[in-house]
């Protein structure tokens, strides 16, 4: 087989895998992971069921691969957000806003990452797809932790804020709440309480900044 033919076959394989993952992601989001069958995935991807099984022997392996792609997308957003920030505190806010935007712009990918709960620190020592997924989640949180450390070092975040990783996990909870409430309770926030969603988010991040910034 020529190098060109081998390259073309590899490209075809990657396209097929991409179609399967995209189809599964959409169906997982719409119907829930447990209710989705390989037959439904094959139909949506317009591929045969045996071909789906060829690439992914079970639903868990397909779910893990989809989560890896979702996590990569989120991680890239975090890296870009932090890179453009002038200080560690600015980076924390930028990452938080990137998380909210990810929830709004990529709800299917966000759903996958929230559905991934089977993580174990022991996996970090392995090289399986499950281990890669655990490492990816660990690394994404590490980006937030690095922003907190950066802020402590440059003086924008107060030095007594606490353990950077624990603070980062709390920030995750805070921004997750902003994202979820903004999506599921927008009508209540805007119509009942008379608060535009933009003001709700901006005030939330202003509150976050005040809780972290030095000189309080």
C-alpha atoms as a PDB file:
ATOM      1  CA  UNK A   1       0.000   0.000   0.000  1.00  0.00           C
ATOM      2  CA  UNK A   2       1.338   3.426  -0.941  1.00  0.00           C
ATOM      3  CA  UNK A   3       1.903   6.136   1.639  1.00  0.00           C
ATOM      4  CA  UNK A   4      -0.815   8.202  -0.019  1.00  0.00           C
ATOM      5  CA  UNK A   5      -3.336   5.346   0.201  1.00  0.00           C
ATOM      6  CA  UNK A   6      -2.474   4.680   3.838  1.00  0.00           C
ATOM      7  CA  UNK A   7      -2.883   8.372   4.632  1.00  0.00           C
ATOM      8  CA  UNK A   8      -6.259   8.449   2.886  1.00  0.00           C
ATOM      9  CA  UNK A   9      -7.462   5.397   4.800  1.00  0.00           C
ATOM     10  CA  UNK A  10      -6.380   6.942   8.076  1.00  0.00           C
ATOM     11  CA  UNK A  11      -8.228  10.122   7.191  1.00  0.00           C
ATOM     12  CA  UNK A  12     -11.362   8.098   6.396  1.00  0.00           C
ATOM     13  CA  UNK A  13     -11.091   6.335   9.768  1.00  0.00           C
ATOM     14  CA  UNK A  14     -10.799   9.641  11.619  1.00  0.00           C
ATOM     15  CA  UNK A  15     -13.804  11.028   9.752  1.00  0.00           C
ATOM     16  CA  UNK A  16     -15.870   7.952  10.632  1.00  0.00           C
ATOM     17  CA  UNK A  17     -14.843   8.161  14.290  1.00  0.00           C
ATOM     18  CA  UNK A  18     -15.698  11.864  14.294  1.00  0.00           C
ATOM     19  CA  UNK A  19     -19.151  11.203  12.862  1.00  0.00           C
ATOM     20  CA  UNK A  20     -19.820   8.515  15.448  1.00  0.00           C
ATOM     21  CA  UNK A  21     -18.700  10.727  18.330  1.00  0.00           C
ATOM     22  CA  UNK A  22     -20.723  13.700  17.056  1.00  0.00           C
ATOM     23  CA  UNK A  23     -23.831  11.541  16.670  1.00  0.00           C
ATOM     24  CA  UNK A  24     -23.421   9.989  20.112  1.00  0.00           C
ATOM     25  CA  UNK A  25     -22.825  13.383  21.726  1.00  0.00           C
ATOM     26  CA  UNK A  26     -26.038  14.800  20.275  1.00  0.00           C
ATOM     27  CA  UNK A  27     -28.063  11.742  21.279  1.00  0.00           C
ATOM     28  CA  UNK A  28     -26.587  11.574  24.789  1.00  0.00           C
ATOM     29  CA  UNK A  29     -27.564  15.194  25.336  1.00  0.00           C
ATOM     30  CA  UNK A  30     -31.065  14.758  23.958  1.00  0.00           C
ATOM     31  CA  UNK A  31     -32.066  11.415  25.451  1.00  0.00           C
ATOM     32  CA  UNK A  32     -29.653  10.626  28.276  1.00  0.00           C
ATOM     33  CA  UNK A  33     -26.703   8.269  28.067  1.00  0.00           C
ATOM     34  CA  UNK A  34     -28.464   5.137  29.287  1.00  0.00           C
ATOM     35  CA  UNK A  35     -31.295   5.363  26.770  1.00  0.00           C
ATOM     36  CA  UNK A  36     -29.123   5.722  23.669  1.00  0.00           C
ATOM     37  CA  UNK A  37     -28.465   2.550  21.665  1.00  0.00           C
ATOM     38  CA  UNK A  38     -25.705   1.763  19.192  1.00  0.00           C
ATOM     39  CA  UNK A  39     -28.404   1.339  16.574  1.00  0.00           C
ATOM     40  CA  UNK A  40     -29.561   4.922  17.115  1.00  0.00           C
ATOM     41  CA  UNK A  41     -25.979   6.177  16.989  1.00  0.00           C
ATOM     42  CA  UNK A  42     -25.301   4.300  13.757  1.00  0.00           C
ATOM     43  CA  UNK A  43     -28.488   5.665  12.192  1.00  0.00           C
ATOM     44  CA  UNK A  44     -27.695   9.269  13.111  1.00  0.00           C
ATOM     45  CA  UNK A  45     -24.084   8.917  11.953  1.00  0.00           C
ATOM     46  CA  UNK A  46     -25.283   7.236   8.738  1.00  0.00           C
ATOM     47  CA  UNK A  47     -22.934   4.330   9.284  1.00  0.00           C
ATOM     48  CA  UNK A  48     -23.469   0.634   9.862  1.00  0.00           C
ATOM     49  CA  UNK A  49     -23.857  -0.680  13.394  1.00  0.00           C
ATOM     50  CA  UNK A  50     -20.929  -3.128  12.941  1.00  0.00           C
ATOM     51  CA  UNK A  51     -18.694  -0.202  11.987  1.00  0.00           C
ATOM     52  CA  UNK A  52     -19.674   1.655  15.167  1.00  0.00           C
ATOM     53  CA  UNK A  53     -18.800  -1.453  17.190  1.00  0.00           C
ATOM     54  CA  UNK A  54     -15.521  -1.747  15.277  1.00  0.00           C
ATOM     55  CA  UNK A  55     -14.375   1.641  16.533  1.00  0.00           C
ATOM     56  CA  UNK A  56     -16.069   1.510  19.931  1.00  0.00           C
ATOM     57  CA  UNK A  57     -16.697  -1.931  21.475  1.00  0.00           C
ATOM     58  CA  UNK A  58     -19.008  -0.543  24.163  1.00  0.00           C
ATOM     59  CA  UNK A  59     -20.847   2.616  25.115  1.00  0.00           C
ATOM     60  CA  UNK A  60     -18.403   3.520  27.881  1.00  0.00           C
ATOM     61  CA  UNK A  61     -15.453   3.660  25.473  1.00  0.00           C
ATOM     62  CA  UNK A  62     -17.471   5.911  23.169  1.00  0.00           C
ATOM     63  CA  UNK A  63     -18.536   8.130  26.066  1.00  0.00           C
ATOM     64  CA  UNK A  64     -14.941   8.491  27.271  1.00  0.00           C
ATOM     65  CA  UNK A  65     -13.729   9.472  23.799  1.00  0.00           C
ATOM     66  CA  UNK A  66     -16.517  12.043  23.504  1.00  0.00           C
ATOM     67  CA  UNK A  67     -15.611  13.448  26.922  1.00  0.00           C
ATOM     68  CA  UNK A  68     -11.966  13.715  25.921  1.00  0.00           C
ATOM     69  CA  UNK A  69     -12.908  15.854  22.946  1.00  0.00           C
ATOM     70  CA  UNK A  70     -15.211  17.991  25.066  1.00  0.00           C
ATOM     71  CA  UNK A  71     -12.521  18.456  27.707  1.00  0.00           C
ATOM     72  CA  UNK A  72      -9.996  19.447  25.074  1.00  0.00           C
ATOM     73  CA  UNK A  73     -12.362  22.145  23.831  1.00  0.00           C
ATOM     74  CA  UNK A  74     -12.889  23.501  27.347  1.00  0.00           C
ATOM     75  CA  UNK A  75      -9.169  23.390  28.121  1.00  0.00           C
ATOM     76  CA  UNK A  76      -8.355  25.386  24.986  1.00  0.00           C
ATOM     77  CA  UNK A  77     -10.847  28.045  26.037  1.00  0.00           C
ATOM     78  CA  UNK A  78      -9.231  28.267  29.462  1.00  0.00           C
ATOM     79  CA  UNK A  79      -5.719  28.560  28.011  1.00  0.00           C
ATOM     80  CA  UNK A  80      -6.785  31.336  25.634  1.00  0.00           C
ATOM     81  CA  UNK A  81      -8.655  33.181  28.388  1.00  0.00           C
ATOM     82  CA  UNK A  82      -5.726  33.086  30.812  1.00  0.00           C
ATOM     83  CA  UNK A  83      -3.179  34.060  28.152  1.00  0.00           C
ATOM     84  CA  UNK A  84      -4.924  37.351  27.405  1.00  0.00           C
ATOM     85  CA  UNK A  85      -5.270  38.405  31.058  1.00  0.00           C
ATOM     86  CA  UNK A  86      -3.098  41.110  32.593  1.00  0.00           C
ATOM     87  CA  UNK A  87      -3.061  39.647  36.116  1.00  0.00           C
ATOM     88  CA  UNK A  88      -3.846  36.439  37.957  1.00  0.00           C
ATOM     89  CA  UNK A  89      -7.148  37.880  39.170  1.00  0.00           C
ATOM     90  CA  UNK A  90      -8.029  38.885  35.607  1.00  0.00           C
ATOM     91  CA  UNK A  91      -7.151  35.345  34.486  1.00  0.00           C
ATOM     92  CA  UNK A  92      -9.475  33.832  37.105  1.00  0.00           C
ATOM     93  CA  UNK A  93     -12.346  36.004  35.895  1.00  0.00           C
ATOM     94  CA  UNK A  94     -11.548  35.326  32.231  1.00  0.00           C
ATOM     95  CA  UNK A  95     -11.529  31.570  32.838  1.00  0.00           C
ATOM     96  CA  UNK A  96     -14.833  31.833  34.694  1.00  0.00           C
ATOM     97  CA  UNK A  97     -16.407  33.749  31.849  1.00  0.00           C
ATOM     98  CA  UNK A  98     -15.011  31.184  29.392  1.00  0.00           C
ATOM     99  CA  UNK A  99     -16.710  28.452  31.416  1.00  0.00           C
ATOM    100  CA  UNK A 100     -20.056  30.262  31.300  1.00  0.00           C
ATOM    101  CA  UNK A 101     -19.647  30.824  27.547  1.00  0.00           C
ATOM    102  CA  UNK A 102     -18.807  27.149  27.042  1.00  0.00           C
ATOM    103  CA  UNK A 103     -22.017  26.183  28.849  1.00  0.00           C
ATOM    104  CA  UNK A 104     -24.014  28.544  26.630  1.00  0.00           C
ATOM    105  CA  UNK A 105     -22.333  27.855  23.292  1.00  0.00           C
ATOM    106  CA  UNK A 106     -21.570  24.134  23.615  1.00  0.00           C
ATOM    107  CA  UNK A 107     -24.375  22.670  25.783  1.00  0.00           C
ATOM    108  CA  UNK A 108     -23.879  19.153  24.420  1.00  0.00           C
ATOM    109  CA  UNK A 109     -20.181  19.132  25.340  1.00  0.00           C
ATOM    110  CA  UNK A 110     -20.909  20.710  28.715  1.00  0.00           C
ATOM    111  CA  UNK A 111     -23.438  17.929  29.409  1.00  0.00           C
ATOM    112  CA  UNK A 112     -20.835  15.267  28.688  1.00  0.00           C
ATOM    113  CA  UNK A 113     -18.307  16.728  31.103  1.00  0.00           C
ATOM    114  CA  UNK A 114     -20.909  17.021  33.862  1.00  0.00           C
ATOM    115  CA  UNK A 115     -22.002  13.439  33.242  1.00  0.00           C
ATOM    116  CA  UNK A 116     -18.465  12.169  33.780  1.00  0.00           C
ATOM    117  CA  UNK A 117     -18.355  11.272  37.479  1.00  0.00           C
ATOM    118  CA  UNK A 118     -16.330   8.040  37.442  1.00  0.00           C
ATOM    119  CA  UNK A 119     -12.910   9.528  38.140  1.00  0.00           C
ATOM    120  CA  UNK A 120     -10.277   8.176  40.499  1.00  0.00           C
ATOM    121  CA  UNK A 121      -6.950   9.771  41.403  1.00  0.00           C
ATOM    122  CA  UNK A 122      -5.278   6.365  41.004  1.00  0.00           C
ATOM    123  CA  UNK A 123      -6.049   6.593  37.284  1.00  0.00           C
ATOM    124  CA  UNK A 124      -3.483   9.382  36.940  1.00  0.00           C
ATOM    125  CA  UNK A 125      -0.745   6.746  37.009  1.00  0.00           C
ATOM    126  CA  UNK A 126      -2.137   4.879  33.998  1.00  0.00           C
ATOM    127  CA  UNK A 127      -2.305   5.410  30.239  1.00  0.00           C
ATOM    128  CA  UNK A 128      -5.741   4.016  29.378  1.00  0.00           C
ATOM    129  CA  UNK A 129      -8.451   6.244  27.855  1.00  0.00           C
ATOM    130  CA  UNK A 130     -10.047   6.422  31.313  1.00  0.00           C
ATOM    131  CA  UNK A 131      -6.691   7.546  32.713  1.00  0.00           C
ATOM    132  CA  UNK A 132      -6.350  10.167  29.994  1.00  0.00           C
ATOM    133  CA  UNK A 133      -9.805  11.479  30.883  1.00  0.00           C
ATOM    134  CA  UNK A 134      -8.904  11.733  34.569  1.00  0.00           C
ATOM    135  CA  UNK A 135      -5.641  13.472  33.697  1.00  0.00           C
ATOM    136  CA  UNK A 136      -7.432  15.896  31.410  1.00  0.00           C
ATOM    137  CA  UNK A 137      -9.891  16.890  34.130  1.00  0.00           C
ATOM    138  CA  UNK A 138      -7.026  17.242  36.601  1.00  0.00           C
ATOM    139  CA  UNK A 139      -5.115  19.427  34.132  1.00  0.00           C
ATOM    140  CA  UNK A 140      -8.109  21.661  33.383  1.00  0.00           C
ATOM    141  CA  UNK A 141      -8.535  22.378  37.082  1.00  0.00           C
ATOM    142  CA  UNK A 142      -4.786  22.921  37.207  1.00  0.00           C
ATOM    143  CA  UNK A 143      -5.205  25.836  34.777  1.00  0.00           C
ATOM    144  CA  UNK A 144      -7.520  27.549  37.266  1.00  0.00           C
ATOM    145  CA  UNK A 145      -5.159  26.782  40.132  1.00  0.00           C
ATOM    146  CA  UNK A 146      -2.261  28.257  38.148  1.00  0.00           C
ATOM    147  CA  UNK A 147      -4.253  31.474  37.670  1.00  0.00           C
ATOM    148  CA  UNK A 148      -4.855  31.686  41.422  1.00  0.00           C
ATOM    149  CA  UNK A 149      -1.140  31.127  42.113  1.00  0.00           C
ATOM    150  CA  UNK A 150      -0.283  33.755  39.522  1.00  0.00           C
ATOM    151  CA  UNK A 151      -2.581  36.231  41.243  1.00  0.00           C
ATOM    152  CA  UNK A 152      -1.007  35.586  44.640  1.00  0.00           C
ATOM    153  CA  UNK A 153       2.441  36.079  43.109  1.00  0.00           C
ATOM    154  CA  UNK A 154       1.581  39.326  41.298  1.00  0.00           C
ATOM    155  CA  UNK A 155      -0.373  40.752  44.244  1.00  0.00           C
ATOM    156  CA  UNK A 156      -3.792  40.861  42.579  1.00  0.00           C
ATOM    157  CA  UNK A 157      -5.120  38.041  44.802  1.00  0.00           C
ATOM    158  CA  UNK A 158      -4.658  38.222  48.544  1.00  0.00           C
ATOM    159  CA  UNK A 159      -2.057  35.804  49.934  1.00  0.00           C
ATOM    160  CA  UNK A 160      -4.341  34.389  52.642  1.00  0.00           C
ATOM    161  CA  UNK A 161      -6.977  33.231  50.153  1.00  0.00           C
ATOM    162  CA  UNK A 162      -6.221  29.571  50.889  1.00  0.00           C
ATOM    163  CA  UNK A 163      -4.973  26.499  49.073  1.00  0.00           C
ATOM    164  CA  UNK A 164      -5.055  27.364  45.347  1.00  0.00           C
ATOM    165  CA  UNK A 165      -6.529  24.033  44.274  1.00  0.00           C
ATOM    166  CA  UNK A 166      -9.270  24.113  46.898  1.00  0.00           C
ATOM    167  CA  UNK A 167     -10.030  27.731  45.973  1.00  0.00           C
ATOM    168  CA  UNK A 168     -10.212  26.656  42.321  1.00  0.00           C
ATOM    169  CA  UNK A 169     -12.739  23.942  43.124  1.00  0.00           C
ATOM    170  CA  UNK A 170     -14.862  26.526  44.965  1.00  0.00           C
ATOM    171  CA  UNK A 171     -14.593  28.873  41.983  1.00  0.00           C
ATOM    172  CA  UNK A 172     -15.811  26.012  39.801  1.00  0.00           C
ATOM    173  CA  UNK A 173     -18.871  25.706  42.014  1.00  0.00           C
ATOM    174  CA  UNK A 174     -19.501  29.459  41.871  1.00  0.00           C
ATOM    175  CA  UNK A 175     -19.192  29.785  38.097  1.00  0.00           C
ATOM    176  CA  UNK A 176     -21.151  26.578  37.534  1.00  0.00           C
ATOM    177  CA  UNK A 177     -23.990  28.131  39.509  1.00  0.00           C
ATOM    178  CA  UNK A 178     -23.867  31.296  37.393  1.00  0.00           C
ATOM    179  CA  UNK A 179     -23.917  29.227  34.223  1.00  0.00           C
ATOM    180  CA  UNK A 180     -26.726  26.915  35.290  1.00  0.00           C
ATOM    181  CA  UNK A 181     -28.957  29.622  36.763  1.00  0.00           C
ATOM    182  CA  UNK A 182     -28.409  31.817  33.737  1.00  0.00           C
ATOM    183  CA  UNK A 183     -29.545  28.976  31.491  1.00  0.00           C
ATOM    184  CA  UNK A 184     -32.379  27.387  33.487  1.00  0.00           C
ATOM    185  CA  UNK A 185     -33.750  30.376  35.398  1.00  0.00           C
ATOM    186  CA  UNK A 186     -33.224  33.184  32.929  1.00  0.00           C
ATOM    187  CA  UNK A 187     -36.943  33.997  32.678  1.00  0.00           C
ATOM    188  CA  UNK A 188     -37.214  34.198  36.457  1.00  0.00           C
ATOM    189  CA  UNK A 189     -34.101  36.370  36.762  1.00  0.00           C
ATOM    190  CA  UNK A 190     -35.143  38.752  33.993  1.00  0.00           C
ATOM    191  CA  UNK A 191     -38.949  38.793  34.201  1.00  0.00           C
ATOM    192  CA  UNK A 192     -39.725  38.182  37.864  1.00  0.00           C
ATOM    193  CA  UNK A 193     -36.720  39.924  39.401  1.00  0.00           C
ATOM    194  CA  UNK A 194     -36.213  42.479  36.631  1.00  0.00           C
ATOM    195  CA  UNK A 195     -32.487  41.831  36.329  1.00  0.00           C
ATOM    196  CA  UNK A 196     -31.000  41.534  32.805  1.00  0.00           C
ATOM    197  CA  UNK A 197     -28.944  38.376  32.414  1.00  0.00           C
ATOM    198  CA  UNK A 198     -25.847  40.380  31.502  1.00  0.00           C
ATOM    199  CA  UNK A 199     -26.075  42.369  34.735  1.00  0.00           C
ATOM    200  CA  UNK A 200     -26.608  39.153  36.687  1.00  0.00           C
ATOM    201  CA  UNK A 201     -23.404  37.657  35.296  1.00  0.00           C
ATOM    202  CA  UNK A 202     -21.352  40.849  35.585  1.00  0.00           C
ATOM    203  CA  UNK A 203     -22.400  41.324  39.201  1.00  0.00           C
ATOM    204  CA  UNK A 204     -21.564  37.697  39.897  1.00  0.00           C
ATOM    205  CA  UNK A 205     -18.037  38.088  38.569  1.00  0.00           C
ATOM    206  CA  UNK A 206     -17.617  41.414  40.361  1.00  0.00           C
ATOM    207  CA  UNK A 207     -18.568  39.625  43.588  1.00  0.00           C
ATOM    208  CA  UNK A 208     -16.050  36.900  42.803  1.00  0.00           C
ATOM    209  CA  UNK A 209     -13.291  39.450  42.231  1.00  0.00           C
ATOM    210  CA  UNK A 210     -14.003  41.244  45.508  1.00  0.00           C
ATOM    211  CA  UNK A 211     -13.787  37.955  47.399  1.00  0.00           C
ATOM    212  CA  UNK A 212     -10.299  37.293  46.029  1.00  0.00           C
ATOM    213  CA  UNK A 213      -8.607  40.592  45.453  1.00  0.00           C
ATOM    214  CA  UNK A 214      -5.900  41.887  47.720  1.00  0.00           C
ATOM    215  CA  UNK A 215      -6.480  45.030  49.754  1.00  0.00           C
ATOM    216  CA  UNK A 216      -9.931  44.001  51.040  1.00  0.00           C
END
